Amino acid sequence: MSSNTTTYNRIYEIVRQIPKGFVATYGQVAELSNLAGKARLVGYALYRVDMQTSDIPWQHVVNAKGEISLSPLRFGSAYLQRSLLESEGISFNDAGKIDLRKYLWQPHKSQIFD
């Protein structure tokens, strides 16, 4: 198994723990995955997730501003992400931001494994 696969698997295990109705930031997932400062790596890992068949709730990860990160490489999945989050009861303000004070996942350290 390559180190990249192992790193991505750590990221996926953290993302699987985010409960419905909550979000985490890329930086938060990186830190919880023992990859502090590597938020972009979390984005790369989630980009590789098969949205149709995977059990990884990729939609629960947003940027530090509480926004869905936009990229031309996402091929419209930003709209899907917003729809999935709204179906879980997460609301967006008029500027398209999620209130992180309300919806940010705050795991207890005992819930996160090494």
PDB file of N, CA and C in Angstrom:
ATOM      1  N   MET A   1       0.855  -1.185   0.000  1.00  0.00           N
ATOM      2  CA  MET A   1       0.000   0.000   0.000  1.00  0.00           C
ATOM      3  C   MET A   1       0.890   1.233   0.000  1.00  0.00           C
ATOM      4  N   SER A   2       0.628   2.156  -0.877  1.00  0.00           N
ATOM      5  CA  SER A   2       1.447   3.361  -0.949  1.00  0.00           C
ATOM      6  C   SER A   2       1.140   4.284   0.227  1.00  0.00           C
ATOM      7  N   SER A   3       2.080   5.177   0.510  1.00  0.00           N
ATOM      8  CA  SER A   3       1.855   6.116   1.612  1.00  0.00           C
ATOM      9  C   SER A   3       0.680   7.041   1.306  1.00  0.00           C
ATOM     10  N   ASN A   4       0.467   7.340   0.011  1.00  0.00           N
ATOM     11  CA  ASN A   4      -0.661   8.177  -0.383  1.00  0.00           C
ATOM     12  C   ASN A   4      -1.981   7.481  -0.060  1.00  0.00           C
ATOM     13  N   THR A   5      -2.067   6.179  -0.335  1.00  0.00           N
ATOM     14  CA  THR A   5      -3.271   5.413  -0.026  1.00  0.00           C
ATOM     15  C   THR A   5      -3.515   5.402   1.478  1.00  0.00           C
ATOM     16  N   THR A   6      -2.482   5.182   2.250  1.00  0.00           N
ATOM     17  CA  THR A   6      -2.612   5.167   3.702  1.00  0.00           C
ATOM     18  C   THR A   6      -3.064   6.525   4.218  1.00  0.00           C
ATOM     19  N   THR A   7      -2.489   7.588   3.695  1.00  0.00           N
ATOM     20  CA  THR A   7      -2.870   8.940   4.099  1.00  0.00           C
ATOM     21  C   THR A   7      -4.329   9.213   3.741  1.00  0.00           C
ATOM     22  N   TYR A   8      -4.720   8.877   2.538  1.00  0.00           N
ATOM     23  CA  TYR A   8      -6.104   9.086   2.119  1.00  0.00           C
ATOM     24  C   TYR A   8      -7.050   8.277   2.991  1.00  0.00           C
ATOM     25  N   ASN A   9      -6.690   7.060   3.328  1.00  0.00           N
ATOM     26  CA  ASN A   9      -7.553   6.233   4.186  1.00  0.00           C
ATOM     27  C   ASN A   9      -7.742   6.862   5.556  1.00  0.00           C
ATOM     28  N   ARG A  10      -6.696   7.478   6.105  1.00  0.00           N
ATOM     29  CA  ARG A  10      -6.840   8.184   7.393  1.00  0.00           C
ATOM     30  C   ARG A  10      -7.834   9.322   7.249  1.00  0.00           C
ATOM     31  N   ILE A  11      -7.725  10.068   6.175  1.00  0.00           N
ATOM     32  CA  ILE A  11      -8.652  11.177   5.922  1.00  0.00           C
ATOM     33  C   ILE A  11     -10.077  10.635   5.811  1.00  0.00           C
ATOM     34  N   TYR A  12     -10.259   9.578   5.053  1.00  0.00           N
ATOM     35  CA  TYR A  12     -11.602   9.005   4.863  1.00  0.00           C
ATOM     36  C   TYR A  12     -12.199   8.516   6.184  1.00  0.00           C
ATOM     37  N   GLU A  13     -11.377   7.946   7.037  1.00  0.00           N
ATOM     38  CA  GLU A  13     -11.889   7.467   8.332  1.00  0.00           C
ATOM     39  C   GLU A  13     -12.373   8.621   9.206  1.00  0.00           C
ATOM     40  N   ILE A  14     -11.695   9.746   9.135  1.00  0.00           N
ATOM     41  CA  ILE A  14     -12.154  10.925   9.884  1.00  0.00           C
ATOM     42  C   ILE A  14     -13.458  11.439   9.289  1.00  0.00           C
ATOM     43  N   VAL A  15     -13.513  11.572   7.979  1.00  0.00           N
ATOM     44  CA  VAL A  15     -14.713  12.113   7.323  1.00  0.00           C
ATOM     45  C   VAL A  15     -15.919  11.210   7.593  1.00  0.00           C
ATOM     46  N   ARG A  16     -15.711   9.912   7.659  1.00  0.00           N
ATOM     47  CA  ARG A  16     -16.824   8.985   7.962  1.00  0.00           C
ATOM     48  C   ARG A  16     -17.434   9.245   9.340  1.00  0.00           C
ATOM     49  N   GLN A  17     -16.687   9.878  10.226  1.00  0.00           N
ATOM     50  CA  GLN A  17     -17.173  10.134  11.587  1.00  0.00           C
ATOM     51  C   GLN A  17     -18.022  11.398  11.703  1.00  0.00           C
ATOM     52  N   ILE A  18     -18.029  12.238  10.688  1.00  0.00           N
ATOM     53  CA  ILE A  18     -18.803  13.485  10.756  1.00  0.00           C
ATOM     54  C   ILE A  18     -20.284  13.126  10.678  1.00  0.00           C
ATOM     55  N   PRO A  19     -21.054  13.455  11.707  1.00  0.00           N
ATOM     56  CA  PRO A  19     -22.467  13.076  11.705  1.00  0.00           C
ATOM     57  C   PRO A  19     -23.303  13.908  10.722  1.00  0.00           C
ATOM     58  N   LYS A  20     -24.408  13.333  10.321  1.00  0.00           N
ATOM     59  CA  LYS A  20     -25.357  14.060   9.476  1.00  0.00           C
ATOM     60  C   LYS A  20     -25.763  15.341  10.190  1.00  0.00           C
ATOM     61  N   GLY A  21     -25.953  16.393   9.403  1.00  0.00           N
ATOM     62  CA  GLY A  21     -26.359  17.674   9.980  1.00  0.00           C
ATOM     63  C   GLY A  21     -25.200  18.518  10.469  1.00  0.00           C
ATOM     64  N   PHE A  22     -23.960  18.050  10.245  1.00  0.00           N
ATOM     65  CA  PHE A  22     -22.777  18.792  10.663  1.00  0.00           C
ATOM     66  C   PHE A  22     -21.764  18.799   9.529  1.00  0.00           C
ATOM     67  N   VAL A  23     -20.842  19.756   9.612  1.00  0.00           N
ATOM     68  CA  VAL A  23     -19.755  19.845   8.650  1.00  0.00           C
ATOM     69  C   VAL A  23     -18.438  19.959   9.405  1.00  0.00           C
ATOM     70  N   ALA A  24     -17.365  19.709   8.684  1.00  0.00           N
ATOM     71  CA  ALA A  24     -16.010  19.956   9.174  1.00  0.00           C
ATOM     72  C   ALA A  24     -15.291  20.730   8.084  1.00  0.00           C
ATOM     73  N   THR A  25     -14.230  21.400   8.453  1.00  0.00           N
ATOM     74  CA  THR A  25     -13.438  22.120   7.456  1.00  0.00           C
ATOM     75  C   THR A  25     -12.304  21.217   6.980  1.00  0.00           C
ATOM     76  N   TYR A  26     -11.772  21.548   5.814  1.00  0.00           N
ATOM     77  CA  TYR A  26     -10.632  20.798   5.284  1.00  0.00           C
ATOM     78  C   TYR A  26      -9.484  20.806   6.288  1.00  0.00           C
ATOM     79  N   GLY A  27      -9.220  21.962   6.878  1.00  0.00           N
ATOM     80  CA  GLY A  27      -8.143  22.073   7.858  1.00  0.00           C
ATOM     81  C   GLY A  27      -8.396  21.246   9.103  1.00  0.00           C
ATOM     82  N   GLN A  28      -9.635  21.217   9.546  1.00  0.00           N
ATOM     83  CA  GLN A  28     -10.001  20.427  10.721  1.00  0.00           C
ATOM     84  C   GLN A  28      -9.783  18.944  10.438  1.00  0.00           C
ATOM     85  N   VAL A  29     -10.208  18.472   9.281  1.00  0.00           N
ATOM     86  CA  VAL A  29     -10.016  17.071   8.918  1.00  0.00           C
ATOM     87  C   VAL A  29      -8.523  16.752   8.827  1.00  0.00           C
ATOM     88  N   ALA A  30      -7.758  17.667   8.260  1.00  0.00           N
ATOM     89  CA  ALA A  30      -6.312  17.455   8.173  1.00  0.00           C
ATOM     90  C   ALA A  30      -5.708  17.312   9.572  1.00  0.00           C
ATOM     91  N   GLU A  31      -6.071  18.209  10.467  1.00  0.00           N
ATOM     92  CA  GLU A  31      -5.530  18.158  11.822  1.00  0.00           C
ATOM     93  C   GLU A  31      -5.920  16.864  12.533  1.00  0.00           C
ATOM     94  N   LEU A  32      -7.185  16.485  12.413  1.00  0.00           N
ATOM     95  CA  LEU A  32      -7.644  15.251  13.059  1.00  0.00           C
ATOM     96  C   LEU A  32      -7.007  13.998  12.444  1.00  0.00           C
ATOM     97  N   SER A  33      -6.516  14.143  11.212  1.00  0.00           N
ATOM     98  CA  SER A  33      -5.848  13.031  10.526  1.00  0.00           C
ATOM     99  C   SER A  33      -4.338  13.055  10.768  1.00  0.00           C
ATOM    100  N   ASN A  34      -3.897  13.886  11.700  1.00  0.00           N
ATOM    101  CA  ASN A  34      -2.466  14.072  11.984  1.00  0.00           C
ATOM    102  C   ASN A  34      -1.717  14.599  10.765  1.00  0.00           C
ATOM    103  N   LEU A  35      -2.362  15.493  10.046  1.00  0.00           N
ATOM    104  CA  LEU A  35      -1.788  16.113   8.851  1.00  0.00           C
ATOM    105  C   LEU A  35      -1.939  17.630   8.932  1.00  0.00           C
ATOM    106  N   ALA A  36      -1.700  18.183  10.095  1.00  0.00           N
ATOM    107  CA  ALA A  36      -1.892  19.620  10.317  1.00  0.00           C
ATOM    108  C   ALA A  36      -1.205  20.428   9.226  1.00  0.00           C
ATOM    109  N   GLY A  37      -1.917  21.432   8.720  1.00  0.00           N
ATOM    110  CA  GLY A  37      -1.383  22.295   7.690  1.00  0.00           C
ATOM    111  C   GLY A  37      -1.541  21.751   6.276  1.00  0.00           C
ATOM    112  N   LYS A  38      -2.205  20.622   6.134  1.00  0.00           N
ATOM    113  CA  LYS A  38      -2.339  19.992   4.817  1.00  0.00           C
ATOM    114  C   LYS A  38      -3.795  19.895   4.386  1.00  0.00           C
ATOM    115  N   ALA A  39      -4.526  20.997   4.550  1.00  0.00           N
ATOM    116  CA  ALA A  39      -5.938  21.039   4.173  1.00  0.00           C
ATOM    117  C   ALA A  39      -6.125  20.713   2.694  1.00  0.00           C
ATOM    118  N   ARG A  40      -5.208  21.175   1.875  1.00  0.00           N
ATOM    119  CA  ARG A  40      -5.322  20.925   0.434  1.00  0.00           C
ATOM    120  C   ARG A  40      -5.251  19.430   0.128  1.00  0.00           C
ATOM    121  N   LEU A  41      -4.466  18.701   0.899  1.00  0.00           N
ATOM    122  CA  LEU A  41      -4.370  17.250   0.716  1.00  0.00           C
ATOM    123  C   LEU A  41      -5.722  16.590   0.987  1.00  0.00           C
ATOM    124  N   VAL A  42      -6.457  17.099   1.963  1.00  0.00           N
ATOM    125  CA  VAL A  42      -7.808  16.592   2.237  1.00  0.00           C
ATOM    126  C   VAL A  42      -8.687  16.812   1.007  1.00  0.00           C
ATOM    127  N   GLY A  43      -8.581  17.971   0.403  1.00  0.00           N
ATOM    128  CA  GLY A  43      -9.333  18.245  -0.822  1.00  0.00           C
ATOM    129  C   GLY A  43      -8.984  17.273  -1.932  1.00  0.00           C
ATOM    130  N   TYR A  44      -7.703  16.993  -2.101  1.00  0.00           N
ATOM    131  CA  TYR A  44      -7.287  16.039  -3.132  1.00  0.00           C
ATOM    132  C   TYR A  44      -7.869  14.658  -2.859  1.00  0.00           C
ATOM    133  N   ALA A  45      -7.834  14.244  -1.590  1.00  0.00           N
ATOM    134  CA  ALA A  45      -8.361  12.922  -1.227  1.00  0.00           C
ATOM    135  C   ALA A  45      -9.860  12.839  -1.507  1.00  0.00           C
ATOM    136  N   LEU A  46     -10.591  13.885  -1.142  1.00  0.00           N
ATOM    137  CA  LEU A  46     -12.044  13.863  -1.341  1.00  0.00           C
ATOM    138  C   LEU A  46     -12.413  13.967  -2.820  1.00  0.00           C
ATOM    139  N   TYR A  47     -11.572  14.599  -3.608  1.00  0.00           N
ATOM    140  CA  TYR A  47     -11.817  14.685  -5.047  1.00  0.00           C
ATOM    141  C   TYR A  47     -11.815  13.287  -5.676  1.00  0.00           C
ATOM    142  N   ARG A  48     -11.077  12.378  -5.084  1.00  0.00           N
ATOM    143  CA  ARG A  48     -10.952  11.020  -5.624  1.00  0.00           C
ATOM    144  C   ARG A  48     -12.103  10.095  -5.213  1.00  0.00           C
ATOM    145  N   VAL A  49     -12.963  10.554  -4.327  1.00  0.00           N
ATOM    146  CA  VAL A  49     -14.085   9.733  -3.851  1.00  0.00           C
ATOM    147  C   VAL A  49     -15.120   9.569  -4.961  1.00  0.00           C
ATOM    148  N   ASP A  50     -15.587   8.359  -5.155  1.00  0.00           N
ATOM    149  CA  ASP A  50     -16.674   8.103  -6.106  1.00  0.00           C
ATOM    150  C   ASP A  50     -17.981   8.489  -5.411  1.00  0.00           C
ATOM    151  N   MET A  51     -18.553   9.603  -5.811  1.00  0.00           N
ATOM    152  CA  MET A  51     -19.741  10.143  -5.145  1.00  0.00           C
ATOM    153  C   MET A  51     -20.948   9.219  -5.248  1.00  0.00           C
ATOM    154  N   GLN A  52     -20.976   8.366  -6.242  1.00  0.00           N
ATOM    155  CA  GLN A  52     -22.124   7.492  -6.464  1.00  0.00           C
ATOM    156  C   GLN A  52     -22.085   6.230  -5.609  1.00  0.00           C
ATOM    157  N   THR A  53     -20.902   5.717  -5.313  1.00  0.00           N
ATOM    158  CA  THR A  53     -20.825   4.407  -4.659  1.00  0.00           C
ATOM    159  C   THR A  53     -20.142   4.412  -3.300  1.00  0.00           C
ATOM    160  N   SER A  54     -19.481   5.474  -2.947  1.00  0.00           N
ATOM    161  CA  SER A  54     -18.691   5.491  -1.720  1.00  0.00           C
ATOM    162  C   SER A  54     -19.543   5.731  -0.472  1.00  0.00           C
ATOM    163  N   ASP A  55     -19.069   5.199   0.650  1.00  0.00           N
ATOM    164  CA  ASP A  55     -19.717   5.451   1.941  1.00  0.00           C
ATOM    165  C   ASP A  55     -19.089   6.650   2.659  1.00  0.00           C
ATOM    166  N   ILE A  56     -18.232   7.364   1.972  1.00  0.00           N
ATOM    167  CA  ILE A  56     -17.560   8.519   2.564  1.00  0.00           C
ATOM    168  C   ILE A  56     -18.426   9.758   2.336  1.00  0.00           C
ATOM    169  N   PRO A  57     -18.905  10.392   3.410  1.00  0.00           N
ATOM    170  CA  PRO A  57     -19.777  11.561   3.263  1.00  0.00           C
ATOM    171  C   PRO A  57     -18.974  12.826   2.922  1.00  0.00           C
ATOM    172  N   TRP A  58     -18.411  12.834   1.736  1.00  0.00           N
ATOM    173  CA  TRP A  58     -17.556  13.913   1.244  1.00  0.00           C
ATOM    174  C   TRP A  58     -18.224  15.280   1.347  1.00  0.00           C
ATOM    175  N   GLN A  59     -19.549  15.288   1.254  1.00  0.00           N
ATOM    176  CA  GLN A  59     -20.281  16.558   1.254  1.00  0.00           C
ATOM    177  C   GLN A  59     -20.173  17.295   2.585  1.00  0.00           C
ATOM    178  N   HIS A  60     -19.753  16.618   3.637  1.00  0.00           N
ATOM    179  CA  HIS A  60     -19.668  17.235   4.963  1.00  0.00           C
ATOM    180  C   HIS A  60     -18.426  18.096   5.160  1.00  0.00           C
ATOM    181  N   VAL A  61     -17.577  18.200   4.157  1.00  0.00           N
ATOM    182  CA  VAL A  61     -16.339  18.966   4.311  1.00  0.00           C
ATOM    183  C   VAL A  61     -16.424  20.247   3.467  1.00  0.00           C
ATOM    184  N   VAL A  62     -16.219  21.374   4.147  1.00  0.00           N
ATOM    185  CA  VAL A  62     -16.314  22.692   3.516  1.00  0.00           C
ATOM    186  C   VAL A  62     -15.057  23.494   3.848  1.00  0.00           C
ATOM    187  N   ASN A  63     -14.926  24.651   3.244  1.00  0.00           N
ATOM    188  CA  ASN A  63     -13.729  25.454   3.532  1.00  0.00           C
ATOM    189  C   ASN A  63     -13.878  26.214   4.856  1.00  0.00           C
ATOM    190  N   ALA A  64     -12.805  26.849   5.260  1.00  0.00           N
ATOM    191  CA  ALA A  64     -12.748  27.517   6.565  1.00  0.00           C
ATOM    192  C   ALA A  64     -13.703  28.693   6.689  1.00  0.00           C
ATOM    193  N   LYS A  65     -14.225  29.186   5.565  1.00  0.00           N
ATOM    194  CA  LYS A  65     -15.198  30.275   5.590  1.00  0.00           C
ATOM    195  C   LYS A  65     -16.623  29.746   5.715  1.00  0.00           C
ATOM    196  N   GLY A  66     -16.782  28.426   5.732  1.00  0.00           N
ATOM    197  CA  GLY A  66     -18.118  27.844   5.769  1.00  0.00           C
ATOM    198  C   GLY A  66     -18.761  27.790   4.401  1.00  0.00           C
ATOM    199  N   GLU A  67     -17.933  27.806   3.380  1.00  0.00           N
ATOM    200  CA  GLU A  67     -18.442  27.781   2.009  1.00  0.00           C
ATOM    201  C   GLU A  67     -18.092  26.459   1.328  1.00  0.00           C
ATOM    202  N   ILE A  68     -18.857  26.139   0.326  1.00  0.00           N
ATOM    203  CA  ILE A  68     -18.524  25.022  -0.544  1.00  0.00           C
ATOM    204  C   ILE A  68     -17.431  25.519  -1.479  1.00  0.00           C
ATOM    205  N   SER A  69     -16.333  24.792  -1.538  1.00  0.00           N
ATOM    206  CA  SER A  69     -15.234  25.206  -2.399  1.00  0.00           C
ATOM    207  C   SER A  69     -15.592  24.965  -3.851  1.00  0.00           C
ATOM    208  N   LEU A  70     -15.415  25.988  -4.652  1.00  0.00           N
ATOM    209  CA  LEU A  70     -15.753  25.907  -6.067  1.00  0.00           C
ATOM    210  C   LEU A  70     -14.501  25.661  -6.891  1.00  0.00           C
ATOM    211  N   SER A  71     -14.654  24.840  -7.905  1.00  0.00           N
ATOM    212  CA  SER A  71     -13.555  24.559  -8.823  1.00  0.00           C
ATOM    213  C   SER A  71     -14.149  24.071 -10.127  1.00  0.00           C
ATOM    214  N   PRO A  72     -13.571  24.462 -11.243  1.00  0.00           N
ATOM    215  CA  PRO A  72     -14.073  23.944 -12.525  1.00  0.00           C
ATOM    216  C   PRO A  72     -13.868  22.429 -12.642  1.00  0.00           C
ATOM    217  N   LEU A  73     -12.984  21.874 -11.842  1.00  0.00           N
ATOM    218  CA  LEU A  73     -12.731  20.428 -11.877  1.00  0.00           C
ATOM    219  C   LEU A  73     -13.832  19.619 -11.201  1.00  0.00           C
ATOM    220  N   ARG A  74     -14.719  20.290 -10.493  1.00  0.00           N
ATOM    221  CA  ARG A  74     -15.769  19.572  -9.749  1.00  0.00           C
ATOM    222  C   ARG A  74     -16.967  19.224 -10.627  1.00  0.00           C
ATOM    223  N   PHE A  75     -17.046  19.749 -11.812  1.00  0.00           N
ATOM    224  CA  PHE A  75     -18.095  19.404 -12.779  1.00  0.00           C
ATOM    225  C   PHE A  75     -19.508  19.483 -12.199  1.00  0.00           C
ATOM    226  N   GLY A  76     -19.785  20.560 -11.468  1.00  0.00           N
ATOM    227  CA  GLY A  76     -21.125  20.776 -10.940  1.00  0.00           C
ATOM    228  C   GLY A  76     -21.424  20.100  -9.614  1.00  0.00           C
ATOM    229  N   SER A  77     -20.447  19.406  -9.034  1.00  0.00           N
ATOM    230  CA  SER A  77     -20.727  18.703  -7.779  1.00  0.00           C
ATOM    231  C   SER A  77     -20.953  19.662  -6.613  1.00  0.00           C
ATOM    232  N   ALA A  78     -20.594  20.927  -6.774  1.00  0.00           N
ATOM    233  CA  ALA A  78     -20.862  21.904  -5.721  1.00  0.00           C
ATOM    234  C   ALA A  78     -22.371  22.045  -5.498  1.00  0.00           C
ATOM    235  N   TYR A  79     -23.137  21.977  -6.578  1.00  0.00           N
ATOM    236  CA  TYR A  79     -24.594  22.052  -6.457  1.00  0.00           C
ATOM    237  C   TYR A  79     -25.138  20.815  -5.747  1.00  0.00           C
ATOM    238  N   LEU A  80     -24.576  19.666  -6.065  1.00  0.00           N
ATOM    239  CA  LEU A  80     -24.968  18.424  -5.399  1.00  0.00           C
ATOM    240  C   LEU A  80     -24.618  18.497  -3.919  1.00  0.00           C
ATOM    241  N   GLN A  81     -23.432  19.000  -3.606  1.00  0.00           N
ATOM    242  CA  GLN A  81     -23.005  19.106  -2.215  1.00  0.00           C
ATOM    243  C   GLN A  81     -23.978  19.978  -1.429  1.00  0.00           C
ATOM    244  N   ARG A  82     -24.330  21.118  -1.972  1.00  0.00           N
ATOM    245  CA  ARG A  82     -25.263  22.014  -1.270  1.00  0.00           C
ATOM    246  C   ARG A  82     -26.611  21.326  -1.070  1.00  0.00           C
ATOM    247  N   SER A  83     -27.094  20.668  -2.095  1.00  0.00           N
ATOM    248  CA  SER A  83     -28.378  19.978  -2.006  1.00  0.00           C
ATOM    249  C   SER A  83     -28.351  18.894  -0.930  1.00  0.00           C
ATOM    250  N   LEU A  84     -27.277  18.127  -0.885  1.00  0.00           N
ATOM    251  CA  LEU A  84     -27.161  17.064   0.127  1.00  0.00           C
ATOM    252  C   LEU A  84     -27.119  17.649   1.534  1.00  0.00           C
ATOM    253  N   LEU A  85     -26.374  18.720   1.711  1.00  0.00           N
ATOM    254  CA  LEU A  85     -26.297  19.355   3.034  1.00  0.00           C
ATOM    255  C   LEU A  85     -27.642  19.945   3.444  1.00  0.00           C
ATOM    256  N   GLU A  86     -28.315  20.595   2.516  1.00  0.00           N
ATOM    257  CA  GLU A  86     -29.638  21.146   2.831  1.00  0.00           C
ATOM    258  C   GLU A  86     -30.623  20.039   3.182  1.00  0.00           C
ATOM    259  N   SER A  87     -30.510  18.887   2.539  1.00  0.00           N
ATOM    260  CA  SER A  87     -31.416  17.775   2.851  1.00  0.00           C
ATOM    261  C   SER A  87     -31.178  17.235   4.259  1.00  0.00           C
ATOM    262  N   GLU A  88     -30.017  17.542   4.835  1.00  0.00           N
ATOM    263  CA  GLU A  88     -29.709  17.148   6.215  1.00  0.00           C
ATOM    264  C   GLU A  88     -30.076  18.246   7.214  1.00  0.00           C
ATOM    265  N   GLY A  89     -30.628  19.348   6.717  1.00  0.00           N
ATOM    266  CA  GLY A  89     -31.058  20.428   7.597  1.00  0.00           C
ATOM    267  C   GLY A  89     -30.052  21.546   7.762  1.00  0.00           C
ATOM    268  N   ILE A  90     -28.963  21.501   7.038  1.00  0.00           N
ATOM    269  CA  ILE A  90     -27.959  22.561   7.118  1.00  0.00           C
ATOM    270  C   ILE A  90     -28.414  23.709   6.225  1.00  0.00           C
ATOM    271  N   SER A  91     -28.425  24.906   6.795  1.00  0.00           N
ATOM    272  CA  SER A  91     -28.875  26.058   6.015  1.00  0.00           C
ATOM    273  C   SER A  91     -27.699  26.934   5.607  1.00  0.00           C
ATOM    274  N   PHE A  92     -27.898  27.652   4.525  1.00  0.00           N
ATOM    275  CA  PHE A  92     -26.917  28.570   3.975  1.00  0.00           C
ATOM    276  C   PHE A  92     -27.494  29.974   4.047  1.00  0.00           C
ATOM    277  N   ASN A  93     -26.646  30.958   4.306  1.00  0.00           N
ATOM    278  CA  ASN A  93     -27.135  32.333   4.278  1.00  0.00           C
ATOM    279  C   ASN A  93     -27.170  32.836   2.838  1.00  0.00           C
ATOM    280  N   ASP A  94     -27.568  34.080   2.657  1.00  0.00           N
ATOM    281  CA  ASP A  94     -27.704  34.649   1.309  1.00  0.00           C
ATOM    282  C   ASP A  94     -26.378  34.696   0.550  1.00  0.00           C
ATOM    283  N   ALA A  95     -25.273  34.704   1.274  1.00  0.00           N
ATOM    284  CA  ALA A  95     -23.950  34.724   0.642  1.00  0.00           C
ATOM    285  C   ALA A  95     -23.441  33.309   0.354  1.00  0.00           C
ATOM    286  N   GLY A  96     -24.254  32.300   0.666  1.00  0.00           N
ATOM    287  CA  GLY A  96     -23.858  30.922   0.399  1.00  0.00           C
ATOM    288  C   GLY A  96     -22.960  30.310   1.452  1.00  0.00           C
ATOM    289  N   LYS A  97     -22.994  30.875   2.662  1.00  0.00           N
ATOM    290  CA  LYS A  97     -22.145  30.377   3.740  1.00  0.00           C
ATOM    291  C   LYS A  97     -22.965  29.615   4.783  1.00  0.00           C
ATOM    292  N   ILE A  98     -22.308  28.646   5.379  1.00  0.00           N
ATOM    293  CA  ILE A  98     -22.860  27.867   6.485  1.00  0.00           C
ATOM    294  C   ILE A  98     -22.380  28.515   7.779  1.00  0.00           C
ATOM    295  N   ASP A  99     -23.255  28.628   8.759  1.00  0.00           N
ATOM    296  CA  ASP A  99     -22.874  29.167  10.064  1.00  0.00           C
ATOM    297  C   ASP A  99     -22.085  28.090  10.808  1.00  0.00           C
ATOM    298  N   LEU A 100     -20.763  28.229  10.824  1.00  0.00           N
ATOM    299  CA  LEU A 100     -19.918  27.222  11.462  1.00  0.00           C
ATOM    300  C   LEU A 100     -20.102  27.181  12.976  1.00  0.00           C
ATOM    301  N   ARG A 101     -20.560  28.268  13.565  1.00  0.00           N
ATOM    302  CA  ARG A 101     -20.829  28.236  15.011  1.00  0.00           C
ATOM    303  C   ARG A 101     -21.958  27.266  15.318  1.00  0.00           C
ATOM    304  N   LYS A 102     -22.841  27.079  14.374  1.00  0.00           N
ATOM    305  CA  LYS A 102     -24.002  26.206  14.565  1.00  0.00           C
ATOM    306  C   LYS A 102     -23.760  24.786  14.045  1.00  0.00           C
ATOM    307  N   TYR A 103     -23.082  24.643  12.908  1.00  0.00           N
ATOM    308  CA  TYR A 103     -23.009  23.351  12.233  1.00  0.00           C
ATOM    309  C   TYR A 103     -21.636  22.678  12.251  1.00  0.00           C
ATOM    310  N   LEU A 104     -20.619  23.338  12.830  1.00  0.00           N
ATOM    311  CA  LEU A 104     -19.288  22.732  12.826  1.00  0.00           C
ATOM    312  C   LEU A 104     -19.234  21.558  13.798  1.00  0.00           C
ATOM    313  N   TRP A 105     -18.795  20.448  13.308  1.00  0.00           N
ATOM    314  CA  TRP A 105     -18.622  19.230  14.107  1.00  0.00           C
ATOM    315  C   TRP A 105     -17.522  19.456  15.130  1.00  0.00           C
ATOM    316  N   GLN A 106     -17.816  19.154  16.381  1.00  0.00           N
ATOM    317  CA  GLN A 106     -16.851  19.285  17.469  1.00  0.00           C
ATOM    318  C   GLN A 106     -16.666  17.916  18.127  1.00  0.00           C
ATOM    319  N   PRO A 107     -15.818  17.077  17.554  1.00  0.00           N
ATOM    320  CA  PRO A 107     -15.652  15.732  18.126  1.00  0.00           C
ATOM    321  C   PRO A 107     -14.917  15.786  19.451  1.00  0.00           C
ATOM    322  N   HIS A 108     -15.253  14.862  20.319  1.00  0.00           N
ATOM    323  CA  HIS A 108     -14.492  14.686  21.548  1.00  0.00           C
ATOM    324  C   HIS A 108     -13.228  13.934  21.173  1.00  0.00           C
ATOM    325  N   LYS A 109     -12.131  14.266  21.797  1.00  0.00           N
ATOM    326  CA  LYS A 109     -10.853  13.628  21.460  1.00  0.00           C
ATOM    327  C   LYS A 109     -10.960  12.108  21.560  1.00  0.00           C
ATOM    328  N   SER A 110     -11.776  11.619  22.483  1.00  0.00           N
ATOM    329  CA  SER A 110     -11.920  10.165  22.658  1.00  0.00           C
ATOM    330  C   SER A 110     -12.620   9.523  21.475  1.00  0.00           C
ATOM    331  N   GLN A 111     -13.326  10.307  20.643  1.00  0.00           N
ATOM    332  CA  GLN A 111     -14.015   9.765  19.490  1.00  0.00           C
ATOM    333  C   GLN A 111     -13.081   9.550  18.313  1.00  0.00           C
ATOM    334  N   ILE A 112     -11.972  10.258  18.311  1.00  0.00           N
ATOM    335  CA  ILE A 112     -11.031  10.188  17.197  1.00  0.00           C
ATOM    336  C   ILE A 112      -9.963   9.170  17.537  1.00  0.00           C
ATOM    337  N   PHE A 113      -9.720   8.306  16.610  1.00  0.00           N
ATOM    338  CA  PHE A 113      -8.681   7.291  16.793  1.00  0.00           C
ATOM    339  C   PHE A 113      -7.404   7.745  16.123  1.00  0.00           C
ATOM    340  N   ASP A 114      -6.313   7.160  16.514  1.00  0.00           N
ATOM    341  CA  ASP A 114      -5.021   7.484  15.894  1.00  0.00           C
ATOM    342  C   ASP A 114      -4.757   6.586  14.722  1.00  0.00           C
TER     343      ASP A 114
END
